């Protein structure tokens, strides 16, 4: 008998239902898979109640202690009345549950749509929310969760791609480019000397739900790490330099109502973007044995993909040498 090809091969609908019912809830047997790659996430019908969201954690990614630290942060945010979808606790206060080889957590279902990040009122609102989130995030430090740093996101990602993925005819160009990029990124981090705090970590539009013009929920703190505050702000920016300057100015106007912001961190934006690009390619490569990934990212790994990736990184090298954004 061959080994299972990926960690979720035995997570059948029956196992999902049995896991949920092991917490004392009675399912109405409706299971709807939601869009997720790193973990497996389902909407579960509950007999006589509102549906719940169940997240089954990818085995061997986070330790129990790391998951529970993220849960504690989410619950602290919810207790402070921030609009965060926090895990549900049982009567004993447990938020992380075990069934067979899987660990999972349950969340209330929240509906909504992606916020309009181009709207100044939305930018101001998100800035206020991030200021409040970071004010709580800096009250204590993560002990088990890793930090977002150049080693994990840049060096280890580049080394994995160079060793396992990049085509032979592009290998030299890729290695030389990444070494230049990482030297520049490390220089920027040394110059900025950022402080870190507990952050959302992956604050893009797909991890926010807008209920109306005045309310927005943050979802999925699964990638929460110790990171500079700007990590949770730069992914809210888009467009040309003038547009990004206007957006950041509006966001920081709201942010500063609740927390000071160290302006020198703006100089980290392109360095953090570079690390994210490198980490994303390595993440896809490391997860390729999971059948969900080839189906969702069929373009990954082709000669064209790597050529385009190298071009994108060359553009980042130029961006790293540009002056940082300045506020209005």
C-alpha atoms as a PDB file:
ATOM      1  CA  UNK A   1       0.000   0.000   0.000  1.00  0.00           C
ATOM      2  CA  UNK A   2       1.374   3.433  -0.940  1.00  0.00           C
ATOM      3  CA  UNK A   3       1.425   6.360   1.432  1.00  0.00           C
ATOM      4  CA  UNK A   4      -1.274   8.981   1.241  1.00  0.00           C
ATOM      5  CA  UNK A   5      -0.259  11.564  -1.399  1.00  0.00           C
ATOM      6  CA  UNK A   6      -1.359  14.554   0.634  1.00  0.00           C
ATOM      7  CA  UNK A   7      -2.366  15.249   4.247  1.00  0.00           C
ATOM      8  CA  UNK A   8      -6.101  15.690   3.600  1.00  0.00           C
ATOM      9  CA  UNK A   9      -6.686  12.473   1.628  1.00  0.00           C
ATOM     10  CA  UNK A  10      -8.630  10.889   4.491  1.00  0.00           C
ATOM     11  CA  UNK A  11     -10.723  13.977   5.306  1.00  0.00           C
ATOM     12  CA  UNK A  12     -13.992  12.725   3.820  1.00  0.00           C
ATOM     13  CA  UNK A  13     -17.390  14.390   4.390  1.00  0.00           C
ATOM     14  CA  UNK A  14     -18.178  11.611   6.855  1.00  0.00           C
ATOM     15  CA  UNK A  15     -15.028  12.360   8.848  1.00  0.00           C
ATOM     16  CA  UNK A  16     -15.853  16.082   8.812  1.00  0.00           C
ATOM     17  CA  UNK A  17     -19.340  15.425  10.194  1.00  0.00           C
ATOM     18  CA  UNK A  18     -18.046  13.001  12.834  1.00  0.00           C
ATOM     19  CA  UNK A  19     -15.439  15.560  13.903  1.00  0.00           C
ATOM     20  CA  UNK A  20     -18.037  18.293  14.327  1.00  0.00           C
ATOM     21  CA  UNK A  21     -20.364  15.999  16.262  1.00  0.00           C
ATOM     22  CA  UNK A  22     -17.473  14.994  18.551  1.00  0.00           C
ATOM     23  CA  UNK A  23     -17.776  18.524  19.998  1.00  0.00           C
ATOM     24  CA  UNK A  24     -21.372  17.817  21.108  1.00  0.00           C
ATOM     25  CA  UNK A  25     -23.104  19.508  18.164  1.00  0.00           C
ATOM     26  CA  UNK A  26     -25.572  17.695  15.927  1.00  0.00           C
ATOM     27  CA  UNK A  27     -25.043  18.211  12.214  1.00  0.00           C
ATOM     28  CA  UNK A  28     -27.894  18.211   9.710  1.00  0.00           C
ATOM     29  CA  UNK A  29     -25.429  16.449   7.343  1.00  0.00           C
ATOM     30  CA  UNK A  30     -24.982  19.427   5.032  1.00  0.00           C
ATOM     31  CA  UNK A  31     -21.306  20.007   4.284  1.00  0.00           C
ATOM     32  CA  UNK A  32     -20.177  22.685   1.833  1.00  0.00           C
ATOM     33  CA  UNK A  33     -16.489  23.045   1.015  1.00  0.00           C
ATOM     34  CA  UNK A  34     -15.253  26.649   0.947  1.00  0.00           C
ATOM     35  CA  UNK A  35     -12.357  28.087  -1.010  1.00  0.00           C
ATOM     36  CA  UNK A  36      -9.156  27.333   0.896  1.00  0.00           C
ATOM     37  CA  UNK A  37      -5.796  25.828  -0.021  1.00  0.00           C
ATOM     38  CA  UNK A  38      -3.529  25.830   3.017  1.00  0.00           C
ATOM     39  CA  UNK A  39      -6.203  24.329   5.262  1.00  0.00           C
ATOM     40  CA  UNK A  40      -9.581  22.756   4.532  1.00  0.00           C
ATOM     41  CA  UNK A  41     -12.600  24.877   5.411  1.00  0.00           C
ATOM     42  CA  UNK A  42     -16.261  23.831   5.372  1.00  0.00           C
ATOM     43  CA  UNK A  43     -19.649  25.320   6.092  1.00  0.00           C
ATOM     44  CA  UNK A  44     -21.449  22.820   8.299  1.00  0.00           C
ATOM     45  CA  UNK A  45     -25.204  22.734   8.734  1.00  0.00           C
ATOM     46  CA  UNK A  46     -26.234  22.466  12.395  1.00  0.00           C
ATOM     47  CA  UNK A  47     -29.510  20.840  13.344  1.00  0.00           C
ATOM     48  CA  UNK A  48     -31.794  23.527  14.761  1.00  0.00           C
ATOM     49  CA  UNK A  49     -29.121  26.242  14.589  1.00  0.00           C
ATOM     50  CA  UNK A  50     -27.093  28.516  12.374  1.00  0.00           C
ATOM     51  CA  UNK A  51     -24.429  26.903  10.163  1.00  0.00           C
ATOM     52  CA  UNK A  52     -20.854  26.994  11.438  1.00  0.00           C
ATOM     53  CA  UNK A  53     -17.521  27.269   9.684  1.00  0.00           C
ATOM     54  CA  UNK A  54     -15.042  24.485  10.430  1.00  0.00           C
ATOM     55  CA  UNK A  55     -11.348  24.918   9.684  1.00  0.00           C
ATOM     56  CA  UNK A  56      -9.221  21.765   9.563  1.00  0.00           C
ATOM     57  CA  UNK A  57      -5.576  22.698   9.969  1.00  0.00           C
ATOM     58  CA  UNK A  58      -2.941  21.354   7.618  1.00  0.00           C
ATOM     59  CA  UNK A  59      -0.987  18.722   9.569  1.00  0.00           C
ATOM     60  CA  UNK A  60       2.560  19.637  10.580  1.00  0.00           C
ATOM     61  CA  UNK A  61       2.249  23.308   9.611  1.00  0.00           C
ATOM     62  CA  UNK A  62       1.554  24.865  13.020  1.00  0.00           C
ATOM     63  CA  UNK A  63       2.052  23.344  16.446  1.00  0.00           C
ATOM     64  CA  UNK A  64      -0.844  23.339  18.906  1.00  0.00           C
ATOM     65  CA  UNK A  65       0.885  26.132  20.820  1.00  0.00           C
ATOM     66  CA  UNK A  66       1.164  28.261  17.676  1.00  0.00           C
ATOM     67  CA  UNK A  67      -2.500  27.764  16.793  1.00  0.00           C
ATOM     68  CA  UNK A  68      -3.602  28.587  20.326  1.00  0.00           C
ATOM     69  CA  UNK A  69      -1.544  31.783  20.324  1.00  0.00           C
ATOM     70  CA  UNK A  70      -3.396  32.924  17.217  1.00  0.00           C
ATOM     71  CA  UNK A  71      -6.727  31.966  18.839  1.00  0.00           C
ATOM     72  CA  UNK A  72      -5.828  33.971  21.940  1.00  0.00           C
ATOM     73  CA  UNK A  73      -5.031  37.015  19.814  1.00  0.00           C
ATOM     74  CA  UNK A  74      -8.305  36.664  17.884  1.00  0.00           C
ATOM     75  CA  UNK A  75     -10.294  36.383  21.112  1.00  0.00           C
ATOM     76  CA  UNK A  76      -8.538  39.415  22.599  1.00  0.00           C
ATOM     77  CA  UNK A  77      -9.494  41.405  19.513  1.00  0.00           C
ATOM     78  CA  UNK A  78     -13.099  40.222  19.715  1.00  0.00           C
ATOM     79  CA  UNK A  79     -13.263  41.067  23.434  1.00  0.00           C
ATOM     80  CA  UNK A  80     -12.135  44.588  22.528  1.00  0.00           C
ATOM     81  CA  UNK A  81     -15.080  44.724  20.105  1.00  0.00           C
ATOM     82  CA  UNK A  82     -12.983  44.654  16.963  1.00  0.00           C
ATOM     83  CA  UNK A  83     -14.835  43.060  14.041  1.00  0.00           C
ATOM     84  CA  UNK A  84     -12.837  39.829  13.913  1.00  0.00           C
ATOM     85  CA  UNK A  85     -14.237  36.352  13.299  1.00  0.00           C
ATOM     86  CA  UNK A  86     -12.809  34.575  16.353  1.00  0.00           C
ATOM     87  CA  UNK A  87     -12.944  30.830  17.114  1.00  0.00           C
ATOM     88  CA  UNK A  88     -15.770  29.441  19.213  1.00  0.00           C
ATOM     89  CA  UNK A  89     -14.924  27.958  22.609  1.00  0.00           C
ATOM     90  CA  UNK A  90     -16.605  25.006  24.294  1.00  0.00           C
ATOM     91  CA  UNK A  91     -17.848  24.986  27.899  1.00  0.00           C
ATOM     92  CA  UNK A  92     -14.302  24.326  29.121  1.00  0.00           C
ATOM     93  CA  UNK A  93     -12.881  27.220  27.110  1.00  0.00           C
ATOM     94  CA  UNK A  94     -11.187  25.032  24.479  1.00  0.00           C
ATOM     95  CA  UNK A  95     -10.967  26.427  20.940  1.00  0.00           C
ATOM     96  CA  UNK A  96      -8.779  23.755  19.303  1.00  0.00           C
ATOM     97  CA  UNK A  97     -10.285  20.318  18.848  1.00  0.00           C
ATOM     98  CA  UNK A  98      -8.823  16.976  17.787  1.00  0.00           C
ATOM     99  CA  UNK A  99     -10.408  14.159  15.819  1.00  0.00           C
ATOM    100  CA  UNK A 100      -8.436  11.229  14.433  1.00  0.00           C
ATOM    101  CA  UNK A 101      -5.331  12.770  12.836  1.00  0.00           C
ATOM    102  CA  UNK A 102      -6.850  16.211  12.420  1.00  0.00           C
ATOM    103  CA  UNK A 103      -7.024  19.415  14.434  1.00  0.00           C
ATOM    104  CA  UNK A 104      -9.858  21.834  13.804  1.00  0.00           C
ATOM    105  CA  UNK A 105     -11.578  24.950  15.071  1.00  0.00           C
ATOM    106  CA  UNK A 106     -15.137  26.233  14.693  1.00  0.00           C
ATOM    107  CA  UNK A 107     -16.169  29.759  13.784  1.00  0.00           C
ATOM    108  CA  UNK A 108     -19.460  31.623  13.404  1.00  0.00           C
ATOM    109  CA  UNK A 109     -20.539  32.178   9.829  1.00  0.00           C
ATOM    110  CA  UNK A 110     -20.286  35.747   8.560  1.00  0.00           C
ATOM    111  CA  UNK A 111     -21.553  36.966   5.234  1.00  0.00           C
ATOM    112  CA  UNK A 112     -20.383  39.916   3.211  1.00  0.00           C
ATOM    113  CA  UNK A 113     -18.437  41.063   0.194  1.00  0.00           C
ATOM    114  CA  UNK A 114     -14.984  42.431  -0.492  1.00  0.00           C
ATOM    115  CA  UNK A 115     -14.607  46.055   0.601  1.00  0.00           C
ATOM    116  CA  UNK A 116     -13.924  48.777  -1.938  1.00  0.00           C
ATOM    117  CA  UNK A 117     -10.292  49.571  -1.184  1.00  0.00           C
ATOM    118  CA  UNK A 118     -10.359  52.475  -3.617  1.00  0.00           C
ATOM    119  CA  UNK A 119     -12.932  54.368  -1.581  1.00  0.00           C
ATOM    120  CA  UNK A 120     -11.400  56.997   0.773  1.00  0.00           C
ATOM    121  CA  UNK A 121     -14.061  56.373   3.434  1.00  0.00           C
ATOM    122  CA  UNK A 122     -13.214  52.666   3.378  1.00  0.00           C
ATOM    123  CA  UNK A 123      -9.509  53.470   3.610  1.00  0.00           C
ATOM    124  CA  UNK A 124     -10.126  55.675   6.640  1.00  0.00           C
ATOM    125  CA  UNK A 125     -12.265  52.974   8.300  1.00  0.00           C
ATOM    126  CA  UNK A 126      -9.653  50.252   7.673  1.00  0.00           C
ATOM    127  CA  UNK A 127      -6.928  52.509   9.023  1.00  0.00           C
ATOM    128  CA  UNK A 128      -8.874  52.970  12.251  1.00  0.00           C
ATOM    129  CA  UNK A 129      -9.449  49.224  12.562  1.00  0.00           C
ATOM    130  CA  UNK A 130      -5.782  48.434  11.945  1.00  0.00           C
ATOM    131  CA  UNK A 131      -4.734  51.029  14.490  1.00  0.00           C
ATOM    132  CA  UNK A 132      -6.962  49.383  17.088  1.00  0.00           C
ATOM    133  CA  UNK A 133      -5.784  45.899  16.091  1.00  0.00           C
ATOM    134  CA  UNK A 134      -2.123  46.846  16.432  1.00  0.00           C
ATOM    135  CA  UNK A 135      -2.714  48.640  19.731  1.00  0.00           C
ATOM    136  CA  UNK A 136      -3.859  45.286  21.112  1.00  0.00           C
ATOM    137  CA  UNK A 137      -1.236  43.364  19.146  1.00  0.00           C
ATOM    138  CA  UNK A 138       1.612  45.168  20.879  1.00  0.00           C
ATOM    139  CA  UNK A 139       0.314  44.478  24.405  1.00  0.00           C
ATOM    140  CA  UNK A 140       2.080  41.122  24.454  1.00  0.00           C
ATOM    141  CA  UNK A 141       4.425  39.194  22.177  1.00  0.00           C
ATOM    142  CA  UNK A 142       4.095  35.878  20.415  1.00  0.00           C
ATOM    143  CA  UNK A 143       6.216  33.207  22.073  1.00  0.00           C
ATOM    144  CA  UNK A 144       5.583  30.227  19.772  1.00  0.00           C
ATOM    145  CA  UNK A 145       4.646  31.769  16.422  1.00  0.00           C
ATOM    146  CA  UNK A 146       7.506  32.635  14.050  1.00  0.00           C
ATOM    147  CA  UNK A 147       8.241  36.148  12.879  1.00  0.00           C
ATOM    148  CA  UNK A 148       8.038  37.452   9.347  1.00  0.00           C
ATOM    149  CA  UNK A 149      11.699  37.916   8.468  1.00  0.00           C
ATOM    150  CA  UNK A 150      14.165  37.805   5.586  1.00  0.00           C
ATOM    151  CA  UNK A 151      15.458  34.352   6.510  1.00  0.00           C
ATOM    152  CA  UNK A 152      12.110  32.538   6.448  1.00  0.00           C
ATOM    153  CA  UNK A 153      10.368  34.405   3.656  1.00  0.00           C
ATOM    154  CA  UNK A 154      13.326  35.270   1.453  1.00  0.00           C
ATOM    155  CA  UNK A 155      16.435  33.150   1.896  1.00  0.00           C
ATOM    156  CA  UNK A 156      14.700  29.829   2.582  1.00  0.00           C
ATOM    157  CA  UNK A 157      12.216  30.422  -0.249  1.00  0.00           C
ATOM    158  CA  UNK A 158      14.913  31.280  -2.779  1.00  0.00           C
ATOM    159  CA  UNK A 159      17.070  28.313  -1.760  1.00  0.00           C
ATOM    160  CA  UNK A 160      14.160  25.882  -2.089  1.00  0.00           C
ATOM    161  CA  UNK A 161      13.259  27.146  -5.575  1.00  0.00           C
ATOM    162  CA  UNK A 162      16.880  27.141  -6.724  1.00  0.00           C
ATOM    163  CA  UNK A 163      17.395  23.570  -5.539  1.00  0.00           C
ATOM    164  CA  UNK A 164      14.128  21.977  -6.624  1.00  0.00           C
ATOM    165  CA  UNK A 165      12.216  24.019  -9.179  1.00  0.00           C
ATOM    166  CA  UNK A 166      13.939  26.514 -11.430  1.00  0.00           C
ATOM    167  CA  UNK A 167      14.727  25.255 -14.992  1.00  0.00           C
ATOM    168  CA  UNK A 168      18.429  24.718 -15.672  1.00  0.00           C
ATOM    169  CA  UNK A 169      18.615  27.421 -18.328  1.00  0.00           C
ATOM    170  CA  UNK A 170      17.205  30.017 -15.889  1.00  0.00           C
ATOM    171  CA  UNK A 171      19.045  28.857 -12.783  1.00  0.00           C
ATOM    172  CA  UNK A 172      22.024  31.202 -12.994  1.00  0.00           C
ATOM    173  CA  UNK A 173      19.888  34.275 -13.714  1.00  0.00           C
ATOM    174  CA  UNK A 174      17.505  33.397 -10.871  1.00  0.00           C
ATOM    175  CA  UNK A 175      20.227  32.800  -8.284  1.00  0.00           C
ATOM    176  CA  UNK A 176      22.145  35.951  -9.177  1.00  0.00           C
ATOM    177  CA  UNK A 177      18.990  38.077  -9.103  1.00  0.00           C
ATOM    178  CA  UNK A 178      17.784  36.688  -5.769  1.00  0.00           C
ATOM    179  CA  UNK A 179      21.159  37.247  -4.135  1.00  0.00           C
ATOM    180  CA  UNK A 180      21.079  40.889  -5.272  1.00  0.00           C
ATOM    181  CA  UNK A 181      17.487  41.275  -4.072  1.00  0.00           C
ATOM    182  CA  UNK A 182      18.132  39.789  -0.662  1.00  0.00           C
ATOM    183  CA  UNK A 183      21.223  41.914  -0.082  1.00  0.00           C
ATOM    184  CA  UNK A 184      19.134  45.002  -0.774  1.00  0.00           C
ATOM    185  CA  UNK A 185      16.204  43.773   1.346  1.00  0.00           C
ATOM    186  CA  UNK A 186      18.514  43.023   4.272  1.00  0.00           C
ATOM    187  CA  UNK A 187      20.082  46.472   3.917  1.00  0.00           C
ATOM    188  CA  UNK A 188      16.648  48.112   4.057  1.00  0.00           C
ATOM    189  CA  UNK A 189      15.690  46.155   7.177  1.00  0.00           C
ATOM    190  CA  UNK A 190      18.958  47.201   8.851  1.00  0.00           C
ATOM    191  CA  UNK A 191      18.341  50.832   7.971  1.00  0.00           C
ATOM    192  CA  UNK A 192      14.699  50.893   9.100  1.00  0.00           C
ATOM    193  CA  UNK A 193      15.192  48.772  12.249  1.00  0.00           C
ATOM    194  CA  UNK A 194      11.454  48.006  12.536  1.00  0.00           C
ATOM    195  CA  UNK A 195       9.764  46.979  15.736  1.00  0.00           C
ATOM    196  CA  UNK A 196       7.449  43.975  15.445  1.00  0.00           C
ATOM    197  CA  UNK A 197       4.068  43.225  16.966  1.00  0.00           C
ATOM    198  CA  UNK A 198       1.344  40.636  16.651  1.00  0.00           C
ATOM    199  CA  UNK A 199      -0.165  41.304  13.230  1.00  0.00           C
ATOM    200  CA  UNK A 200      -2.896  39.928  11.007  1.00  0.00           C
ATOM    201  CA  UNK A 201      -0.058  38.973   8.675  1.00  0.00           C
ATOM    202  CA  UNK A 202      -2.039  38.441   5.471  1.00  0.00           C
ATOM    203  CA  UNK A 203      -4.331  41.458   5.284  1.00  0.00           C
ATOM    204  CA  UNK A 204      -5.430  41.430   1.649  1.00  0.00           C
ATOM    205  CA  UNK A 205      -8.924  42.073   0.338  1.00  0.00           C
ATOM    206  CA  UNK A 206      -9.791  38.357   0.336  1.00  0.00           C
ATOM    207  CA  UNK A 207      -9.420  38.272   4.118  1.00  0.00           C
ATOM    208  CA  UNK A 208     -11.933  41.040   4.753  1.00  0.00           C
ATOM    209  CA  UNK A 209     -15.722  41.023   4.573  1.00  0.00           C
ATOM    210  CA  UNK A 210     -17.739  44.212   4.222  1.00  0.00           C
ATOM    211  CA  UNK A 211     -21.261  44.044   5.645  1.00  0.00           C
ATOM    212  CA  UNK A 212     -22.225  47.602   4.716  1.00  0.00           C
ATOM    213  CA  UNK A 213     -20.499  50.912   4.156  1.00  0.00           C
ATOM    214  CA  UNK A 214     -19.575  51.253   7.837  1.00  0.00           C
ATOM    215  CA  UNK A 215     -18.615  47.739   8.952  1.00  0.00           C
ATOM    216  CA  UNK A 216     -15.876  45.379   7.866  1.00  0.00           C
ATOM    217  CA  UNK A 217     -14.832  42.026   9.374  1.00  0.00           C
ATOM    218  CA  UNK A 218     -11.296  40.690   9.411  1.00  0.00           C
ATOM    219  CA  UNK A 219     -11.231  36.954   8.793  1.00  0.00           C
ATOM    220  CA  UNK A 220      -8.580  34.231   8.827  1.00  0.00           C
ATOM    221  CA  UNK A 221      -5.692  35.156  11.108  1.00  0.00           C
ATOM    222  CA  UNK A 222      -4.047  31.840  10.198  1.00  0.00           C
ATOM    223  CA  UNK A 223      -0.927  33.659   8.934  1.00  0.00           C
ATOM    224  CA  UNK A 224      -0.680  35.946  11.956  1.00  0.00           C
ATOM    225  CA  UNK A 225       2.958  36.558  12.850  1.00  0.00           C
ATOM    226  CA  UNK A 226       5.192  39.009  14.613  1.00  0.00           C
ATOM    227  CA  UNK A 227       5.771  41.617  11.911  1.00  0.00           C
ATOM    228  CA  UNK A 228       6.266  45.355  11.396  1.00  0.00           C
ATOM    229  CA  UNK A 229       3.008  47.310  11.492  1.00  0.00           C
ATOM    230  CA  UNK A 230       3.340  48.240   7.810  1.00  0.00           C
ATOM    231  CA  UNK A 231       2.874  44.556   6.893  1.00  0.00           C
ATOM    232  CA  UNK A 232      -0.855  44.922   7.553  1.00  0.00           C
ATOM    233  CA  UNK A 233      -1.114  48.154   5.574  1.00  0.00           C
ATOM    234  CA  UNK A 234       0.846  47.806   2.354  1.00  0.00           C
ATOM    235  CA  UNK A 235      -1.422  45.139   0.826  1.00  0.00           C
ATOM    236  CA  UNK A 236      -4.293  47.629   1.017  1.00  0.00           C
ATOM    237  CA  UNK A 237      -2.518  49.800  -1.568  1.00  0.00           C
ATOM    238  CA  UNK A 238      -2.794  49.559  -5.364  1.00  0.00           C
ATOM    239  CA  UNK A 239      -2.349  51.622  -8.500  1.00  0.00           C
ATOM    240  CA  UNK A 240       0.403  54.023  -9.476  1.00  0.00           C
ATOM    241  CA  UNK A 241       2.614  55.910  -7.049  1.00  0.00           C
ATOM    242  CA  UNK A 242       0.263  58.873  -6.737  1.00  0.00           C
ATOM    243  CA  UNK A 243      -2.723  56.614  -6.048  1.00  0.00           C
ATOM    244  CA  UNK A 244      -0.826  54.582  -3.456  1.00  0.00           C
ATOM    245  CA  UNK A 245       0.359  57.765  -1.768  1.00  0.00           C
ATOM    246  CA  UNK A 246      -3.220  59.029  -1.488  1.00  0.00           C
ATOM    247  CA  UNK A 247      -4.451  55.671  -0.163  1.00  0.00           C
ATOM    248  CA  UNK A 248      -1.704  55.368   2.436  1.00  0.00           C
ATOM    249  CA  UNK A 249      -2.267  58.941   3.592  1.00  0.00           C
ATOM    250  CA  UNK A 250      -5.974  58.219   4.170  1.00  0.00           C
ATOM    251  CA  UNK A 251      -5.284  54.905   5.911  1.00  0.00           C
ATOM    252  CA  UNK A 252      -2.724  56.433   8.255  1.00  0.00           C
ATOM    253  CA  UNK A 253      -5.051  59.311   9.093  1.00  0.00           C
ATOM    254  CA  UNK A 254      -7.457  56.759  10.553  1.00  0.00           C
ATOM    255  CA  UNK A 255      -4.680  54.596  12.021  1.00  0.00           C
ATOM    256  CA  UNK A 256      -3.162  57.453  14.006  1.00  0.00           C
ATOM    257  CA  UNK A 257      -6.433  58.065  15.825  1.00  0.00           C
ATOM    258  CA  UNK A 258      -5.645  54.915  17.837  1.00  0.00           C
ATOM    259  CA  UNK A 259      -1.902  54.299  17.568  1.00  0.00           C
ATOM    260  CA  UNK A 260       1.265  56.113  16.593  1.00  0.00           C
ATOM    261  CA  UNK A 261       2.895  54.964  13.374  1.00  0.00           C
ATOM    262  CA  UNK A 262       6.640  55.045  12.748  1.00  0.00           C
ATOM    263  CA  UNK A 263       6.957  56.691   9.341  1.00  0.00           C
ATOM    264  CA  UNK A 264      10.292  55.057   8.616  1.00  0.00           C
ATOM    265  CA  UNK A 265       8.430  51.753   8.165  1.00  0.00           C
ATOM    266  CA  UNK A 266       7.062  53.047   4.852  1.00  0.00           C
ATOM    267  CA  UNK A 267      10.532  52.282   3.529  1.00  0.00           C
ATOM    268  CA  UNK A 268       9.821  48.564   4.075  1.00  0.00           C
ATOM    269  CA  UNK A 269       6.923  48.328   1.623  1.00  0.00           C
ATOM    270  CA  UNK A 270       8.855  47.164  -1.428  1.00  0.00           C
ATOM    271  CA  UNK A 271      11.087  44.926   0.683  1.00  0.00           C
ATOM    272  CA  UNK A 272       8.012  43.206   2.127  1.00  0.00           C
ATOM    273  CA  UNK A 273       6.463  42.928  -1.336  1.00  0.00           C
ATOM    274  CA  UNK A 274       9.661  41.241  -2.564  1.00  0.00           C
ATOM    275  CA  UNK A 275       9.618  38.735   0.303  1.00  0.00           C
ATOM    276  CA  UNK A 276       5.952  37.957  -0.377  1.00  0.00           C
ATOM    277  CA  UNK A 277       6.620  37.264  -4.064  1.00  0.00           C
ATOM    278  CA  UNK A 278       9.493  34.918  -3.260  1.00  0.00           C
ATOM    279  CA  UNK A 279       7.571  33.179  -0.490  1.00  0.00           C
ATOM    280  CA  UNK A 280       4.476  32.698  -2.662  1.00  0.00           C
ATOM    281  CA  UNK A 281       6.373  30.780  -5.351  1.00  0.00           C
ATOM    282  CA  UNK A 282       8.065  28.585  -2.751  1.00  0.00           C
ATOM    283  CA  UNK A 283       4.722  27.997  -1.024  1.00  0.00           C
ATOM    284  CA  UNK A 284       3.184  26.730  -4.267  1.00  0.00           C
ATOM    285  CA  UNK A 285       6.172  24.485  -4.895  1.00  0.00           C
ATOM    286  CA  UNK A 286       6.127  23.020  -1.393  1.00  0.00           C
ATOM    287  CA  UNK A 287       2.391  22.267  -1.616  1.00  0.00           C
ATOM    288  CA  UNK A 288       2.395  20.800  -5.120  1.00  0.00           C
ATOM    289  CA  UNK A 289       1.687  17.223  -3.959  1.00  0.00           C
ATOM    290  CA  UNK A 290      -1.657  18.424  -2.593  1.00  0.00           C
ATOM    291  CA  UNK A 291      -4.111  17.857  -5.521  1.00  0.00           C
ATOM    292  CA  UNK A 292      -5.875  21.141  -4.735  1.00  0.00           C
ATOM    293  CA  UNK A 293      -2.836  23.087  -5.903  1.00  0.00           C
ATOM    294  CA  UNK A 294      -2.373  21.793  -9.483  1.00  0.00           C
ATOM    295  CA  UNK A 295      -6.098  22.267 -10.015  1.00  0.00           C
ATOM    296  CA  UNK A 296      -6.090  25.834  -8.709  1.00  0.00           C
ATOM    297  CA  UNK A 297      -2.742  26.944 -10.144  1.00  0.00           C
ATOM    298  CA  UNK A 298      -2.287  25.002 -13.420  1.00  0.00           C
ATOM    299  CA  UNK A 299       0.099  27.652 -14.761  1.00  0.00           C
ATOM    300  CA  UNK A 300       2.628  27.197 -11.982  1.00  0.00           C
ATOM    301  CA  UNK A 301       6.013  25.668 -12.748  1.00  0.00           C
ATOM    302  CA  UNK A 302       6.052  26.132 -16.512  1.00  0.00           C
ATOM    303  CA  UNK A 303       9.021  27.678 -18.319  1.00  0.00           C
ATOM    304  CA  UNK A 304       6.826  30.720 -18.972  1.00  0.00           C
ATOM    305  CA  UNK A 305       5.950  31.007 -15.284  1.00  0.00           C
ATOM    306  CA  UNK A 306       9.589  31.096 -14.183  1.00  0.00           C
ATOM    307  CA  UNK A 307      10.550  33.562 -16.904  1.00  0.00           C
ATOM    308  CA  UNK A 308       7.716  35.867 -15.816  1.00  0.00           C
ATOM    309  CA  UNK A 309       8.675  35.406 -12.149  1.00  0.00           C
ATOM    310  CA  UNK A 310      12.253  36.458 -12.866  1.00  0.00           C
ATOM    311  CA  UNK A 311      10.982  39.504 -14.756  1.00  0.00           C
ATOM    312  CA  UNK A 312       8.743  40.391 -11.804  1.00  0.00           C
ATOM    313  CA  UNK A 313      11.677  40.115  -9.425  1.00  0.00           C
ATOM    314  CA  UNK A 314      13.815  42.312 -11.705  1.00  0.00           C
ATOM    315  CA  UNK A 315      11.093  44.955 -11.475  1.00  0.00           C
ATOM    316  CA  UNK A 316      11.225  44.601  -7.693  1.00  0.00           C
ATOM    317  CA  UNK A 317      14.964  45.207  -7.687  1.00  0.00           C
ATOM    318  CA  UNK A 318      14.313  48.521  -9.416  1.00  0.00           C
ATOM    319  CA  UNK A 319      11.470  49.334  -6.997  1.00  0.00           C
ATOM    320  CA  UNK A 320      13.744  48.671  -4.003  1.00  0.00           C
ATOM    321  CA  UNK A 321      16.004  51.458  -5.185  1.00  0.00           C
ATOM    322  CA  UNK A 322      13.224  54.020  -5.567  1.00  0.00           C
ATOM    323  CA  UNK A 323      12.439  56.565  -2.876  1.00  0.00           C
ATOM    324  CA  UNK A 324       9.739  55.415  -0.407  1.00  0.00           C
ATOM    325  CA  UNK A 325       6.232  56.812  -0.613  1.00  0.00           C
ATOM    326  CA  UNK A 326       5.678  60.128   1.115  1.00  0.00           C
ATOM    327  CA  UNK A 327       2.444  61.212   2.756  1.00  0.00           C
ATOM    328  CA  UNK A 328       0.298  64.167   1.761  1.00  0.00           C
END
